Amino acid sequence: MAFDTKLLEIIACPVTKGKLRYDRDNAELISTQAKLAYPIRDDIPVLLENEARELTMQEVEQWNS
């Protein structure tokens, strides 16, 4: 079973309350506002700030283009 992208309509970044974007290649949910990537483990998004990795400026620019 894969991550259900319909969840993106109801979940938000816990830091900014903004929209999240799905990075299928890295199994992450991306918040460009918070500059964080939240992991998806066993098809479940882990929306904890201390579990997220910081995005590089290059990654933020790539997601915003």
PDB file of N, CA and C in Angstrom:
ATOM      1  N   MET A   1       0.849  -1.186   0.000  1.00  0.00           N
ATOM      2  CA  MET A   1       0.000   0.000   0.000  1.00  0.00           C
ATOM      3  C   MET A   1       0.888   1.242   0.000  1.00  0.00           C
ATOM      4  N   ALA A   2       0.559   2.214  -0.795  1.00  0.00           N
ATOM      5  CA  ALA A   2       1.343   3.441  -0.899  1.00  0.00           C
ATOM      6  C   ALA A   2       0.656   4.568  -0.138  1.00  0.00           C
ATOM      7  N   PHE A   3       1.407   5.636   0.063  1.00  0.00           N
ATOM      8  CA  PHE A   3       0.865   6.813   0.731  1.00  0.00           C
ATOM      9  C   PHE A   3      -0.332   7.338  -0.057  1.00  0.00           C
ATOM     10  N   ASP A   4      -1.419   7.599   0.633  1.00  0.00           N
ATOM     11  CA  ASP A   4      -2.648   8.098   0.006  1.00  0.00           C
ATOM     12  C   ASP A   4      -2.563   9.619  -0.122  1.00  0.00           C
ATOM     13  N   THR A   5      -2.391  10.109  -1.339  1.00  0.00           N
ATOM     14  CA  THR A   5      -2.223  11.546  -1.558  1.00  0.00           C
ATOM     15  C   THR A   5      -3.476  12.346  -1.223  1.00  0.00           C
ATOM     16  N   LYS A   6      -4.616  11.684  -1.064  1.00  0.00           N
ATOM     17  CA  LYS A   6      -5.833  12.393  -0.648  1.00  0.00           C
ATOM     18  C   LYS A   6      -5.661  12.995   0.746  1.00  0.00           C
ATOM     19  N   LEU A   7      -4.746  12.431   1.525  1.00  0.00           N
ATOM     20  CA  LEU A   7      -4.481  12.979   2.861  1.00  0.00           C
ATOM     21  C   LEU A   7      -3.959  14.413   2.797  1.00  0.00           C
ATOM     22  N   LEU A   8      -3.326  14.773   1.687  1.00  0.00           N
ATOM     23  CA  LEU A   8      -2.780  16.124   1.554  1.00  0.00           C
ATOM     24  C   LEU A   8      -3.863  17.193   1.616  1.00  0.00           C
ATOM     25  N   GLU A   9      -5.106  16.799   1.366  1.00  0.00           N
ATOM     26  CA  GLU A   9      -6.218  17.747   1.431  1.00  0.00           C
ATOM     27  C   GLU A   9      -6.609  18.078   2.869  1.00  0.00           C
ATOM     28  N   ILE A  10      -6.250  17.208   3.822  1.00  0.00           N
ATOM     29  CA  ILE A  10      -6.710  17.409   5.204  1.00  0.00           C
ATOM     30  C   ILE A  10      -5.593  17.595   6.224  1.00  0.00           C
ATOM     31  N   ILE A  11      -4.355  17.266   5.854  1.00  0.00           N
ATOM     32  CA  ILE A  11      -3.263  17.465   6.813  1.00  0.00           C
ATOM     33  C   ILE A  11      -2.488  18.724   6.453  1.00  0.00           C
ATOM     34  N   ALA A  12      -1.776  19.257   7.438  1.00  0.00           N
ATOM     35  CA  ALA A  12      -1.011  20.487   7.233  1.00  0.00           C
ATOM     36  C   ALA A  12       0.307  20.389   7.984  1.00  0.00           C
ATOM     37  N   CYS A  13       1.210  21.266   7.640  1.00  0.00           N
ATOM     38  CA  CYS A  13       2.479  21.354   8.355  1.00  0.00           C
ATOM     39  C   CYS A  13       2.181  21.746   9.799  1.00  0.00           C
ATOM     40  N   PRO A  14       2.688  21.003  10.767  1.00  0.00           N
ATOM     41  CA  PRO A  14       2.414  21.337  12.163  1.00  0.00           C
ATOM     42  C   PRO A  14       3.087  22.639  12.616  1.00  0.00           C
ATOM     43  N   VAL A  15       4.084  23.092  11.885  1.00  0.00           N
ATOM     44  CA  VAL A  15       4.798  24.317  12.253  1.00  0.00           C
ATOM     45  C   VAL A  15       4.092  25.548  11.695  1.00  0.00           C
ATOM     46  N   THR A  16       3.787  25.523  10.393  1.00  0.00           N
ATOM     47  CA  THR A  16       3.229  26.708   9.728  1.00  0.00           C
ATOM     48  C   THR A  16       1.727  26.615   9.482  1.00  0.00           C
ATOM     49  N   LYS A  17       1.182  25.425   9.610  1.00  0.00           N
ATOM     50  CA  LYS A  17      -0.231  25.144   9.283  1.00  0.00           C
ATOM     51  C   LYS A  17      -0.496  25.281   7.783  1.00  0.00           C
ATOM     52  N   GLY A  18       0.586  25.340   7.000  1.00  0.00           N
ATOM     53  CA  GLY A  18       0.466  25.458   5.551  1.00  0.00           C
ATOM     54  C   GLY A  18       0.364  24.107   4.863  1.00  0.00           C
ATOM     55  N   LYS A  19       0.189  24.155   3.558  1.00  0.00           N
ATOM     56  CA  LYS A  19       0.052  22.940   2.756  1.00  0.00           C
ATOM     57  C   LYS A  19       1.372  22.174   2.687  1.00  0.00           C
ATOM     58  N   LEU A  20       1.223  20.865   2.522  1.00  0.00           N
ATOM     59  CA  LEU A  20       2.365  19.981   2.344  1.00  0.00           C
ATOM     60  C   LEU A  20       2.339  19.429   0.927  1.00  0.00           C
ATOM     61  N   ARG A  21       3.524  19.107   0.410  1.00  0.00           N
ATOM     62  CA  ARG A  21       3.633  18.528  -0.924  1.00  0.00           C
ATOM     63  C   ARG A  21       4.324  17.177  -0.800  1.00  0.00           C
ATOM     64  N   TYR A  22       3.931  16.245  -1.642  1.00  0.00           N
ATOM     65  CA  TYR A  22       4.415  14.872  -1.570  1.00  0.00           C
ATOM     66  C   TYR A  22       5.633  14.679  -2.456  1.00  0.00           C
ATOM     67  N   ASP A  23       6.719  14.225  -1.852  1.00  0.00           N
ATOM     68  CA  ASP A  23       7.932  13.860  -2.585  1.00  0.00           C
ATOM     69  C   ASP A  23       7.990  12.335  -2.629  1.00  0.00           C
ATOM     70  N   ARG A  24       7.488  11.772  -3.697  1.00  0.00           N
ATOM     71  CA  ARG A  24       7.394  10.314  -3.844  1.00  0.00           C
ATOM     72  C   ARG A  24       8.781   9.665  -3.843  1.00  0.00           C
ATOM     73  N   ASP A  25       9.756  10.285  -4.515  1.00  0.00           N
ATOM     74  CA  ASP A  25      11.089   9.690  -4.630  1.00  0.00           C
ATOM     75  C   ASP A  25      11.768   9.503  -3.281  1.00  0.00           C
ATOM     76  N   ASN A  26      11.553  10.442  -2.364  1.00  0.00           N
ATOM     77  CA  ASN A  26      12.213  10.380  -1.055  1.00  0.00           C
ATOM     78  C   ASN A  26      11.276   9.994   0.079  1.00  0.00           C
ATOM     79  N   ALA A  27      10.027   9.702  -0.239  1.00  0.00           N
ATOM     80  CA  ALA A  27       9.015   9.337   0.772  1.00  0.00           C
ATOM     81  C   ALA A  27       8.972  10.384   1.882  1.00  0.00           C
ATOM     82  N   GLU A  28       8.707  11.630   1.463  1.00  0.00           N
ATOM     83  CA  GLU A  28       8.646  12.746   2.408  1.00  0.00           C
ATOM     84  C   GLU A  28       7.496  13.674   2.041  1.00  0.00           C
ATOM     85  N   LEU A  29       7.033  14.408   3.044  1.00  0.00           N
ATOM     86  CA  LEU A  29       6.093  15.501   2.828  1.00  0.00           C
ATOM     87  C   LEU A  29       6.863  16.793   3.031  1.00  0.00           C
ATOM     88  N   ILE A  30       6.740  17.693   2.080  1.00  0.00           N
ATOM     89  CA  ILE A  30       7.560  18.895   2.032  1.00  0.00           C
ATOM     90  C   ILE A  30       6.761  20.121   2.447  1.00  0.00           C
ATOM     91  N   SER A  31       7.344  20.894   3.365  1.00  0.00           N
ATOM     92  CA  SER A  31       6.815  22.207   3.722  1.00  0.00           C
ATOM     93  C   SER A  31       7.878  23.231   3.340  1.00  0.00           C
ATOM     94  N   THR A  32       7.642  23.939   2.231  1.00  0.00           N
ATOM     95  CA  THR A  32       8.631  24.932   1.816  1.00  0.00           C
ATOM     96  C   THR A  32       8.609  26.142   2.741  1.00  0.00           C
ATOM     97  N   GLN A  33       7.458  26.433   3.353  1.00  0.00           N
ATOM     98  CA  GLN A  33       7.378  27.561   4.286  1.00  0.00           C
ATOM     99  C   GLN A  33       8.251  27.316   5.513  1.00  0.00           C
ATOM    100  N   ALA A  34       8.189  26.112   6.058  1.00  0.00           N
ATOM    101  CA  ALA A  34       8.980  25.777   7.246  1.00  0.00           C
ATOM    102  C   ALA A  34      10.377  25.288   6.873  1.00  0.00           C
ATOM    103  N   LYS A  35      10.595  25.035   5.577  1.00  0.00           N
ATOM    104  CA  LYS A  35      11.857  24.482   5.081  1.00  0.00           C
ATOM    105  C   LYS A  35      12.160  23.137   5.740  1.00  0.00           C
ATOM    106  N   LEU A  36      11.100  22.289   5.824  1.00  0.00           N
ATOM    107  CA  LEU A  36      11.222  20.981   6.453  1.00  0.00           C
ATOM    108  C   LEU A  36      10.668  19.891   5.545  1.00  0.00           C
ATOM    109  N   ALA A  37      11.245  18.701   5.687  1.00  0.00           N
ATOM    110  CA  ALA A  37      10.762  17.504   4.993  1.00  0.00           C
ATOM    111  C   ALA A  37      10.416  16.471   6.054  1.00  0.00           C
ATOM    112  N   TYR A  38       9.142  16.114   6.116  1.00  0.00           N
ATOM    113  CA  TYR A  38       8.657  15.144   7.099  1.00  0.00           C
ATOM    114  C   TYR A  38       8.697  13.747   6.485  1.00  0.00           C
ATOM    115  N   PRO A  39       9.241  12.775   7.191  1.00  0.00           N
ATOM    116  CA  PRO A  39       9.337  11.422   6.627  1.00  0.00           C
ATOM    117  C   PRO A  39       7.985  10.717   6.581  1.00  0.00           C
ATOM    118  N   ILE A  40       7.877   9.796   5.642  1.00  0.00           N
ATOM    119  CA  ILE A  40       6.726   8.893   5.575  1.00  0.00           C
ATOM    120  C   ILE A  40       7.280   7.506   5.859  1.00  0.00           C
ATOM    121  N   ARG A  41       6.815   6.895   6.933  1.00  0.00           N
ATOM    122  CA  ARG A  41       7.293   5.565   7.327  1.00  0.00           C
ATOM    123  C   ARG A  41       6.123   4.590   7.322  1.00  0.00           C
ATOM    124  N   ASP A  42       6.291   3.496   6.629  1.00  0.00           N
ATOM    125  CA  ASP A  42       5.227   2.492   6.510  1.00  0.00           C
ATOM    126  C   ASP A  42       3.921   3.134   6.039  1.00  0.00           C
ATOM    127  N   ASP A  43       4.053   4.055   5.072  1.00  0.00           N
ATOM    128  CA  ASP A  43       2.914   4.767   4.468  1.00  0.00           C
ATOM    129  C   ASP A  43       2.204   5.714   5.426  1.00  0.00           C
ATOM    130  N   ILE A  44       2.837   6.036   6.553  1.00  0.00           N
ATOM    131  CA  ILE A  44       2.250   6.948   7.543  1.00  0.00           C
ATOM    132  C   ILE A  44       3.152   8.171   7.677  1.00  0.00           C
ATOM    133  N   PRO A  45       2.615   9.379   7.447  1.00  0.00           N
ATOM    134  CA  PRO A  45       3.435  10.583   7.605  1.00  0.00           C
ATOM    135  C   PRO A  45       3.750  10.837   9.080  1.00  0.00           C
ATOM    136  N   VAL A  46       5.018  11.121   9.343  1.00  0.00           N
ATOM    137  CA  VAL A  46       5.462  11.433  10.701  1.00  0.00           C
ATOM    138  C   VAL A  46       5.586  12.955  10.783  1.00  0.00           C
ATOM    139  N   LEU A  47       4.540  13.598  11.276  1.00  0.00           N
ATOM    140  CA  LEU A  47       4.479  15.061  11.281  1.00  0.00           C
ATOM    141  C   LEU A  47       4.964  15.624  12.613  1.00  0.00           C
ATOM    142  N   LEU A  48       6.174  15.263  12.966  1.00  0.00           N
ATOM    143  CA  LEU A  48       6.815  15.768  14.178  1.00  0.00           C
ATOM    144  C   LEU A  48       8.021  16.597  13.764  1.00  0.00           C
ATOM    145  N   GLU A  49       8.089  17.822  14.262  1.00  0.00           N
ATOM    146  CA  GLU A  49       9.172  18.721  13.863  1.00  0.00           C
ATOM    147  C   GLU A  49      10.541  18.117  14.145  1.00  0.00           C
ATOM    148  N   ASN A  50      10.675  17.427  15.277  1.00  0.00           N
ATOM    149  CA  ASN A  50      11.984  16.869  15.628  1.00  0.00           C
ATOM    150  C   ASN A  50      12.348  15.640  14.786  1.00  0.00           C
ATOM    151  N   GLU A  51      11.403  15.107  14.007  1.00  0.00           N
ATOM    152  CA  GLU A  51      11.675  13.986  13.102  1.00  0.00           C
ATOM    153  C   GLU A  51      11.945  14.465  11.675  1.00  0.00           C
ATOM    154  N   ALA A  52      11.642  15.723  11.395  1.00  0.00           N
ATOM    155  CA  ALA A  52      11.809  16.273  10.045  1.00  0.00           C
ATOM    156  C   ALA A  52      13.265  16.659   9.808  1.00  0.00           C
ATOM    157  N   ARG A  53      13.631  16.670   8.543  1.00  0.00           N
ATOM    158  CA  ARG A  53      14.967  17.164   8.192  1.00  0.00           C
ATOM    159  C   ARG A  53      14.809  18.544   7.567  1.00  0.00           C
ATOM    160  N   GLU A  54      15.838  19.358   7.733  1.00  0.00           N
ATOM    161  CA  GLU A  54      15.805  20.702   7.153  1.00  0.00           C
ATOM    162  C   GLU A  54      16.108  20.625   5.664  1.00  0.00           C
ATOM    163  N   LEU A  55      15.343  21.379   4.895  1.00  0.00           N
ATOM    164  CA  LEU A  55      15.589  21.466   3.460  1.00  0.00           C
ATOM    165  C   LEU A  55      16.733  22.435   3.192  1.00  0.00           C
ATOM    166  N   THR A  56      17.515  22.138   2.174  1.00  0.00           N
ATOM    167  CA  THR A  56      18.546  23.073   1.747  1.00  0.00           C
ATOM    168  C   THR A  56      17.876  24.193   0.950  1.00  0.00           C
ATOM    169  N   MET A  57      18.569  25.295   0.790  1.00  0.00           N
ATOM    170  CA  MET A  57      18.028  26.394  -0.016  1.00  0.00           C
ATOM    171  C   MET A  57      17.763  25.924  -1.444  1.00  0.00           C
ATOM    172  N   GLN A  58      18.646  25.067  -1.957  1.00  0.00           N
ATOM    173  CA  GLN A  58      18.469  24.536  -3.310  1.00  0.00           C
ATOM    174  C   GLN A  58      17.176  23.720  -3.404  1.00  0.00           C
ATOM    175  N   GLU A  59      16.891  22.908  -2.393  1.00  0.00           N
ATOM    176  CA  GLU A  59      15.655  22.120  -2.390  1.00  0.00           C
ATOM    177  C   GLU A  59      14.427  23.022  -2.323  1.00  0.00           C
ATOM    178  N   VAL A  60      14.481  24.052  -1.481  1.00  0.00           N
ATOM    179  CA  VAL A  60      13.354  24.983  -1.360  1.00  0.00           C
ATOM    180  C   VAL A  60      13.100  25.657  -2.701  1.00  0.00           C
ATOM    181  N   GLU A  61      14.165  26.128  -3.347  1.00  0.00           N
ATOM    182  CA  GLU A  61      14.025  26.781  -4.648  1.00  0.00           C
ATOM    183  C   GLU A  61      13.455  25.819  -5.686  1.00  0.00           C
ATOM    184  N   GLN A  62      13.903  24.568  -5.639  1.00  0.00           N
ATOM    185  CA  GLN A  62      13.412  23.565  -6.586  1.00  0.00           C
ATOM    186  C   GLN A  62      11.916  23.330  -6.390  1.00  0.00           C
ATOM    187  N   TRP A  63      11.466  23.226  -5.141  1.00  0.00           N
ATOM    188  CA  TRP A  63      10.045  22.992  -4.863  1.00  0.00           C
ATOM    189  C   TRP A  63       9.195  24.221  -5.177  1.00  0.00           C
ATOM    190  N   ASN A  64       9.781  25.414  -5.092  1.00  0.00           N
ATOM    191  CA  ASN A  64       9.028  26.643  -5.356  1.00  0.00           C
ATOM    192  C   ASN A  64       8.993  27.018  -6.834  1.00  0.00           C
ATOM    193  N   SER A  65       9.750  26.295  -7.653  1.00  0.00           N
ATOM    194  CA  SER A  65       9.774  26.650  -9.091  1.00  0.00           C
ATOM    195  C   SER A  65       8.695  25.941  -9.868  1.00  0.00           C
TER     196      SER A  65
END
